[in-house]
Amino acid sequence: MTATTDFGSGSGSGFDGLDGFDSGLTVPPELSARAPAEARGTARDGVRMLVGRRTTGAVEHHLFTDLPEVLRPGDLLVVNNSATLPAALPGRLPDGTPVAVHLSSAQPDRHGAHLVELRRVVPGQAAAYYPPEESPARAGLRVALPAGGAAALTRALTARLWYAELALPAPLLPYLAAHGRAIRYGYVDREWPIDAYQTVFATVPGSSEMPSAARPFTAEVVARLAARGVLVAPVTLHTGVASPEAHEAPYAERFHVPAATARLAGHVRAGGGRVIAVGTTVVRALESAAAADGSLREADGWTELVITPERGVRAVDGLLTGWHEPRASHLLMLAAVAGRPLLAACYREAVRHRYLWHEFGDVNLLLPD
């Protein structure tokens, strides 16, 4: 089965009438990265990088190790320092049926509840999506968790995600370390240790899934960026659980933009440099902290911001990102940064040259010029 990336369908994706895009573009399943780069015979930083330039429409093919030379001295890379949790827990329904419980974020929301997704256990494979009409989730359902823990569902956020009250025998982070595994989707060939889902910047535990745009960075690449005069600064945004089957709009996520990062971004832009977000999580964090004129301030809390081409971006000039699922809501954000014609050209070129998709795959650097 091939997946169609349709920016011009009328399906509510927000991509109606994308100029210059072939709505018949398909992403063959063999372009899913099924294992980390290191398991495919290359280094983390050995993945490919397609560079698109908005002003000229130019598209260039590089290795990720070319990044220091592609960027300019004085540019600022903003990275997400959130570390990935082993957020998939084994659970059991009251009738004894096993289920997988995917936990969204280490922190309860502003109302003290956690978001969870229940998925079908498939022996020897990744846990599978429950279509809404088949899901056992309902208000009042109590799911048994390891070591006497439990998750009691209270109400639905979407057909897929439910608020839950957790009763655990230990604090959440050590409990997940003892009983959880990395969240895995069906295109990944097997379970990989949690270290495979961490980036070199991961210092603040909290993400349900890896902020994967930063995965190719290594200490050597960071050192070469510093030697080139490219700056690096952190934000934190703890990612929730994705919806590769449901294609939902983003929901609230916990974030923090430090004052030092906000000041540095302003200094860089004032000096003619570019602020380049490493991942869609960073775009969401920075734009949530941005004033109408693009200036940044320290910010901490929950963001529900959804970035579309109509809204545009204010604090971000470029974006390093992975290759996203067809119809993924993140494509709206990418179009806001890069423009629809360049985004369409990049996706056509990526399929033509057989770039790899998903968290272990290749990357796309979208620059203004």
Protein backbone atom coordinates (compact mmCIF):
# COMPACT_ATOMS: atom_id res chain seq x y z
CA MET A 1 0.00 0.00 0.00
CA THR A 2 1.33 3.44 -0.91
CA ALA A 3 0.55 6.58 1.03
CA THR A 4 -0.56 9.69 -0.79
CA THR A 5 0.71 13.11 0.18
CA ASP A 6 -2.20 15.25 -0.96
CA PHE A 7 -1.75 18.95 -0.34
CA GLY A 8 -4.58 19.88 -2.65
CA SER A 9 -7.41 17.53 -1.75
CA GLY A 10 -10.23 19.34 0.00
CA SER A 11 -10.00 16.88 2.88
CA GLY A 12 -9.71 19.54 5.54
CA SER A 13 -5.93 19.30 5.61
CA GLY A 14 -5.61 23.02 4.90
CA PHE A 15 -3.71 22.45 1.68
CA ASP A 16 -6.39 23.22 -0.86
CA GLY A 17 -4.89 24.60 -4.04
CA LEU A 18 -1.20 24.14 -3.25
CA ASP A 19 0.54 25.80 -6.18
CA GLY A 20 2.80 23.59 -8.24
CA PHE A 21 2.10 20.40 -6.33
CA ASP A 22 1.21 17.06 -7.86
CA SER A 23 -1.58 15.74 -5.66
CA GLY A 24 -0.85 12.22 -6.94
CA LEU A 25 2.57 12.08 -5.27
CA THR A 26 2.93 8.85 -3.33
CA VAL A 27 5.38 7.76 -0.65
CA PRO A 28 6.13 4.05 -1.14
CA PRO A 29 6.25 2.01 2.06
CA GLU A 30 9.87 1.01 1.41
CA LEU A 31 10.84 4.63 2.04
CA SER A 32 10.00 4.23 5.73
CA ALA A 33 13.20 4.08 7.79
CA ARG A 34 12.71 0.81 9.64
CA ALA A 35 15.76 1.06 11.90
CA PRO A 36 18.20 3.69 13.22
CA ALA A 37 20.90 4.87 10.82
CA GLU A 38 23.53 3.08 12.91
CA ALA A 39 21.75 -0.24 12.28
CA ARG A 40 21.63 0.48 8.55
CA GLY A 41 25.42 0.67 8.30
CA THR A 42 25.97 4.42 8.64
CA ALA A 43 26.52 6.88 11.47
CA ARG A 44 23.85 9.00 13.11
CA ASP A 45 25.14 12.01 11.23
CA GLY A 46 25.43 10.06 7.97
CA VAL A 47 21.80 10.52 6.92
CA ARG A 48 20.90 12.57 3.87
CA MET A 49 19.72 16.18 4.01
CA LEU A 50 17.67 17.85 1.30
CA VAL A 51 18.03 21.64 1.41
CA GLY A 52 15.31 23.90 0.01
CA ARG A 53 15.69 27.66 -0.41
CA ARG A 54 12.49 29.68 -0.45
CA THR A 55 13.71 32.78 -2.30
CA THR A 56 15.08 30.93 -5.31
CA GLY A 57 13.16 27.67 -5.09
CA ALA A 58 16.46 25.80 -5.34
CA VAL A 59 16.66 22.24 -3.99
CA GLU A 60 20.03 20.71 -3.09
CA HIS A 61 21.14 17.25 -1.99
CA HIS A 62 23.60 16.97 0.91
CA LEU A 63 24.68 14.72 3.72
CA PHE A 64 23.80 15.91 7.21
CA THR A 65 27.52 16.34 7.92
CA ASP A 66 27.44 19.24 5.43
CA LEU A 67 25.24 21.28 7.79
CA PRO A 68 28.02 23.54 9.16
CA GLU A 69 28.98 24.57 5.62
CA VAL A 70 25.37 25.07 4.50
CA LEU A 71 24.65 27.46 7.37
CA ARG A 72 26.24 30.89 7.80
CA PRO A 73 28.38 32.25 10.63
CA GLY A 74 26.02 34.12 12.93
CA ASP A 75 23.05 31.83 12.34
CA LEU A 76 21.31 30.43 15.42
CA LEU A 77 20.09 26.84 15.69
CA VAL A 78 17.43 26.44 18.36
CA VAL A 79 17.17 22.86 19.62
CA ASN A 80 14.74 20.98 21.84
CA ASN A 81 16.44 19.57 24.94
CA SER A 82 13.51 17.35 25.90
CA ALA A 83 14.51 13.73 26.52
CA THR A 84 12.36 10.82 25.38
CA LEU A 85 10.53 8.70 27.93
CA PRO A 86 9.86 4.95 27.70
CA ALA A 87 6.20 5.95 27.52
CA ALA A 88 4.63 2.70 26.28
CA LEU A 89 3.29 0.57 29.15
CA PRO A 90 1.73 -2.90 29.11
CA GLY A 91 -1.82 -2.86 30.39
CA ARG A 92 -4.73 -5.20 30.89
CA LEU A 93 -8.46 -4.55 30.57
CA PRO A 94 -10.91 -5.77 33.23
CA ASP A 95 -11.71 -8.83 31.10
CA GLY A 96 -8.03 -9.73 30.91
CA THR A 97 -7.41 -8.46 27.36
CA PRO A 98 -3.88 -7.03 27.01
CA VAL A 99 -3.56 -3.49 25.72
CA ALA A 100 -0.71 -1.06 25.21
CA VAL A 101 -1.00 2.24 27.07
CA HIS A 102 0.84 5.15 25.45
CA LEU A 103 1.36 7.98 27.90
CA SER A 104 1.45 11.53 26.60
CA SER A 105 3.94 13.64 28.61
CA ALA A 106 5.54 13.07 31.98
CA GLN A 107 3.63 15.95 33.47
CA PRO A 108 -0.10 16.06 34.13
CA ASP A 109 -1.94 18.84 32.37
CA ARG A 110 -3.15 22.01 34.07
CA HIS A 111 -6.10 20.04 35.47
CA GLY A 112 -3.91 17.31 36.95
CA ALA A 113 -4.76 14.63 34.39
CA HIS A 114 -2.60 12.67 31.95
CA LEU A 115 -3.48 11.93 28.35
CA VAL A 116 -3.24 8.32 27.24
CA GLU A 117 -3.91 6.32 24.11
CA LEU A 118 -4.95 2.66 24.20
CA ARG A 119 -3.58 0.51 21.37
CA ARG A 120 -4.18 -3.08 20.35
CA VAL A 121 -1.48 -5.61 21.30
CA VAL A 122 -0.24 -7.57 18.27
CA PRO A 123 2.22 -10.32 19.23
CA GLY A 124 5.62 -9.78 17.66
CA GLN A 125 4.63 -6.42 16.14
CA ALA A 126 4.13 -2.82 17.17
CA ALA A 127 0.93 -2.04 19.02
CA ALA A 128 -1.81 -1.23 16.52
CA TYR A 129 -4.23 1.68 16.25
CA TYR A 130 -7.76 1.14 17.51
CA PRO A 131 -10.33 2.65 15.13
CA PRO A 132 -12.80 4.61 17.27
CA GLU A 133 -15.59 2.08 16.75
CA GLU A 134 -13.34 -0.74 18.03
CA SER A 135 -11.56 0.98 20.90
CA PRO A 136 -12.36 -0.28 24.41
CA ALA A 137 -11.79 3.22 25.82
CA ARG A 138 -14.72 4.63 27.78
CA ALA A 139 -15.27 6.82 30.79
CA GLY A 140 -14.76 4.84 33.99
CA LEU A 141 -12.58 2.14 32.39
CA ARG A 142 -9.79 1.00 34.71
CA VAL A 143 -6.70 -0.38 33.00
CA ALA A 144 -4.35 -2.43 35.17
CA LEU A 145 -0.68 -1.50 34.85
CA PRO A 146 2.51 -3.28 36.05
CA ALA A 147 3.36 -3.60 39.76
CA GLY A 148 -0.17 -2.82 40.89
CA GLY A 149 -0.51 0.46 39.00
CA ALA A 150 -3.68 1.58 37.22
CA ALA A 151 -4.99 4.15 34.77
CA ALA A 152 -8.63 5.19 35.18
CA LEU A 153 -10.08 6.87 32.08
CA THR A 154 -12.21 9.90 32.87
CA ARG A 155 -13.19 11.64 29.62
CA ALA A 156 -12.21 11.82 25.96
CA LEU A 157 -10.16 14.56 24.39
CA THR A 158 -10.49 13.00 20.94
CA ALA A 159 -11.69 9.62 19.71
CA ARG A 160 -8.10 8.42 20.25
CA LEU A 161 -6.87 10.26 23.35
CA TRP A 162 -8.38 10.04 26.82
CA TYR A 163 -7.73 11.84 30.07
CA ALA A 164 -6.72 9.42 32.78
CA GLU A 165 -5.96 9.45 36.47
CA LEU A 166 -2.84 7.42 37.23
CA ALA A 167 -2.35 5.45 40.45
CA LEU A 168 1.25 4.24 40.52
CA PRO A 169 3.39 2.57 43.21
CA ALA A 170 6.32 4.89 42.47
CA PRO A 171 6.98 8.34 40.98
CA LEU A 172 6.27 8.40 37.26
CA LEU A 173 9.81 8.69 35.83
CA PRO A 174 11.33 5.76 37.77
CA TYR A 175 8.13 3.79 37.16
CA LEU A 176 8.46 4.27 33.39
CA ALA A 177 12.16 3.42 33.56
CA ALA A 178 11.28 0.14 35.26
CA HIS A 179 8.25 -0.89 33.21
CA GLY A 180 8.01 1.20 30.03
CA ARG A 181 9.43 0.93 26.54
CA ALA A 182 9.90 3.43 23.74
CA ILE A 183 6.76 4.06 21.72
CA ARG A 184 7.06 2.25 18.40
CA TYR A 185 4.94 2.33 15.27
CA GLY A 186 4.44 -0.38 12.68
CA TYR A 187 7.04 0.83 10.20
CA VAL A 188 9.87 0.23 12.71
CA ASP A 189 11.25 -3.30 12.36
CA ARG A 190 11.61 -4.16 16.06
CA GLU A 191 11.91 -2.67 19.52
CA TRP A 192 14.98 -0.50 20.01
CA PRO A 193 16.41 0.61 23.36
CA ILE A 194 15.43 4.02 24.63
CA ASP A 195 18.93 5.36 23.83
CA ALA A 196 18.10 5.01 20.15
CA TYR A 197 15.34 7.56 20.71
CA GLN A 198 17.48 10.20 22.45
CA THR A 199 19.19 13.16 20.82
CA VAL A 200 22.56 14.61 21.78
CA PHE A 201 20.68 17.56 23.35
CA ALA A 202 18.35 15.45 25.53
CA THR A 203 18.69 16.64 29.14
CA VAL A 204 15.13 17.28 30.40
CA PRO A 205 12.98 14.11 30.53
CA GLY A 206 9.42 14.57 29.36
CA SER A 207 8.69 13.65 25.73
CA SER A 208 6.54 10.71 24.78
CA GLU A 209 8.23 10.55 21.40
CA MET A 210 11.66 11.70 20.26
CA PRO A 211 12.09 15.26 18.97
CA SER A 212 13.57 13.47 15.99
CA ALA A 213 14.79 16.35 13.80
CA ALA A 214 17.83 16.58 16.10
CA ARG A 215 18.65 12.89 16.00
CA PRO A 216 21.44 13.22 13.37
CA PHE A 217 23.40 15.70 15.51
CA THR A 218 26.59 14.33 17.05
CA ALA A 219 29.20 15.94 19.27
CA GLU A 220 31.47 16.23 16.23
CA VAL A 221 28.84 18.08 14.18
CA VAL A 222 28.10 20.43 17.09
CA ALA A 223 31.83 21.17 17.46
CA ARG A 224 32.11 21.97 13.74
CA LEU A 225 29.07 24.26 13.98
CA ALA A 226 30.76 26.14 16.83
CA ALA A 227 33.97 26.45 14.83
CA ARG A 228 31.95 27.83 11.92
CA GLY A 229 30.39 30.50 14.16
CA VAL A 230 26.91 28.96 14.21
CA LEU A 231 25.23 29.37 17.58
CA VAL A 232 23.11 26.78 19.39
CA ALA A 233 20.51 27.51 22.09
CA PRO A 234 17.86 25.35 23.78
CA VAL A 235 14.15 25.40 24.36
CA THR A 236 12.06 22.65 25.91
CA LEU A 237 8.85 21.23 24.48
CA HIS A 238 7.66 17.85 25.69
CA THR A 239 6.06 16.04 22.79
CA GLY A 240 2.82 14.13 23.12
CA VAL A 241 1.88 10.93 21.31
CA ALA A 242 1.59 11.26 17.55
CA SER A 243 -1.36 10.27 15.40
CA PRO A 244 0.11 8.62 12.28
CA GLU A 245 -3.26 7.01 11.59
CA ALA A 246 -5.69 9.68 12.80
CA HIS A 247 -3.92 12.85 11.53
CA GLU A 248 -5.25 14.99 14.35
CA ALA A 249 -4.44 18.63 14.90
CA PRO A 250 -1.82 19.31 17.60
CA TYR A 251 -3.07 19.44 21.16
CA ALA A 252 -1.66 21.19 24.23
CA GLU A 253 2.00 20.53 25.06
CA ARG A 254 4.25 21.73 27.88
CA PHE A 255 7.04 24.12 26.84
CA HIS A 256 9.67 26.50 28.14
CA VAL A 257 11.62 29.20 26.28
CA PRO A 258 14.49 30.42 28.50
CA ALA A 259 15.16 34.14 28.76
CA ALA A 260 18.72 33.60 27.50
CA THR A 261 17.47 31.90 24.32
CA ALA A 262 14.92 34.66 23.73
CA ARG A 263 17.61 37.35 24.11
CA LEU A 264 20.06 35.50 21.87
CA ALA A 265 17.48 35.08 19.11
CA GLY A 266 16.80 38.82 19.19
CA HIS A 267 20.50 39.59 19.07
CA VAL A 268 21.06 37.24 16.12
CA ARG A 269 18.22 38.70 14.08
CA ALA A 270 19.31 42.26 14.85
CA GLY A 271 22.73 41.38 13.45
CA GLY A 272 21.37 39.90 10.23
CA GLY A 273 21.55 36.25 11.29
CA ARG A 274 18.83 33.67 10.88
CA VAL A 275 16.93 31.77 13.57
CA ILE A 276 16.61 28.15 12.43
CA ALA A 277 14.41 25.80 14.42
CA VAL A 278 15.51 22.19 14.76
CA GLY A 279 12.16 20.46 14.55
CA THR A 280 8.51 21.39 14.54
CA THR A 281 8.50 21.26 18.34
CA VAL A 282 10.93 24.17 18.42
CA VAL A 283 8.81 26.18 15.97
CA ARG A 284 5.79 25.68 18.20
CA ALA A 285 7.69 26.70 21.31
CA LEU A 286 9.27 29.81 19.79
CA GLU A 287 6.09 30.97 18.10
CA SER A 288 4.21 30.50 21.37
CA ALA A 289 6.67 32.92 23.00
CA ALA A 290 6.71 35.45 20.14
CA ALA A 291 5.09 38.86 20.04
CA ALA A 292 3.39 40.12 16.90
CA ASP A 293 6.65 41.79 15.78
CA GLY A 294 8.60 38.54 16.13
CA SER A 295 10.40 39.50 19.33
CA LEU A 296 10.76 36.72 21.88
CA ARG A 297 10.27 36.70 25.62
CA GLU A 298 10.78 34.05 28.25
CA ALA A 299 7.74 31.80 28.37
CA ASP A 300 6.70 28.75 30.34
CA GLY A 301 3.46 26.81 30.33
CA TRP A 302 1.18 24.92 27.97
CA THR A 303 0.74 25.85 24.34
CA GLU A 304 -2.23 25.07 22.12
CA LEU A 305 -0.88 27.09 19.19
CA VAL A 306 -1.55 25.64 15.74
CA ILE A 307 0.64 27.16 13.03
CA THR A 308 -0.80 27.41 9.54
CA PRO A 309 0.24 29.20 6.34
CA GLU A 310 -2.50 31.73 7.04
CA ARG A 311 -1.04 32.58 10.45
CA GLY A 312 2.58 32.39 9.28
CA VAL A 313 5.64 32.44 11.52
CA ARG A 314 7.11 35.43 13.34
CA ALA A 315 10.21 34.29 15.21
CA VAL A 316 11.55 31.56 12.91
CA ASP A 317 13.44 32.01 9.63
CA GLY A 318 14.21 28.40 8.76
CA LEU A 319 13.51 24.84 9.85
CA LEU A 320 15.36 21.53 9.98
CA THR A 321 12.80 18.74 10.04
CA GLY A 322 12.18 15.13 9.17
CA TRP A 323 9.87 13.84 6.46
CA HIS A 324 6.30 13.80 7.65
CA GLU A 325 3.37 11.47 7.16
CA PRO A 326 0.96 12.28 4.35
CA ARG A 327 -1.86 14.49 5.64
CA ALA A 328 0.06 15.12 8.88
CA SER A 329 -0.94 18.41 10.48
CA HIS A 330 2.76 19.32 10.74
CA LEU A 331 2.75 19.95 6.98
CA LEU A 332 0.70 23.09 7.63
CA MET A 333 3.54 24.39 9.80
CA LEU A 334 6.14 23.49 7.17
CA ALA A 335 4.19 25.41 4.55
CA ALA A 336 4.07 28.41 6.90
CA VAL A 337 7.88 28.38 7.12
CA ALA A 338 8.84 27.40 3.58
CA GLY A 339 5.91 28.37 1.40
CA ARG A 340 3.76 25.87 -0.42
CA PRO A 341 5.64 25.73 -3.74
CA LEU A 342 9.00 24.96 -2.11
CA LEU A 343 7.48 22.39 0.24
CA ALA A 344 5.85 20.63 -2.69
CA ALA A 345 9.13 20.65 -4.66
CA CYS A 346 11.02 19.20 -1.68
CA TYR A 347 8.56 16.34 -1.23
CA ARG A 348 8.59 15.47 -4.92
CA GLU A 349 12.38 15.49 -4.93
CA ALA A 350 12.59 13.43 -1.76
CA VAL A 351 10.41 10.69 -3.22
CA ARG A 352 12.25 10.78 -6.55
CA HIS A 353 15.62 10.35 -4.82
CA ARG A 354 14.30 7.83 -2.28
CA TYR A 355 14.88 9.74 0.94
CA LEU A 356 13.81 7.86 4.06
CA TRP A 357 10.82 8.90 6.17
CA HIS A 358 10.04 8.97 9.91
CA GLU A 359 12.10 9.37 13.07
CA PHE A 360 15.06 7.27 11.93
CA GLY A 361 15.08 8.71 8.43
CA ASP A 362 16.61 11.58 6.47
CA VAL A 363 16.02 15.29 7.01
CA ASN A 364 14.86 18.42 5.20
CA LEU A 365 16.45 21.83 5.80
CA LEU A 366 14.15 24.69 4.76
CA LEU A 367 15.96 28.01 4.46
CA PRO A 368 14.77 31.47 3.41
CA ASP A 369 17.69 31.93 0.97
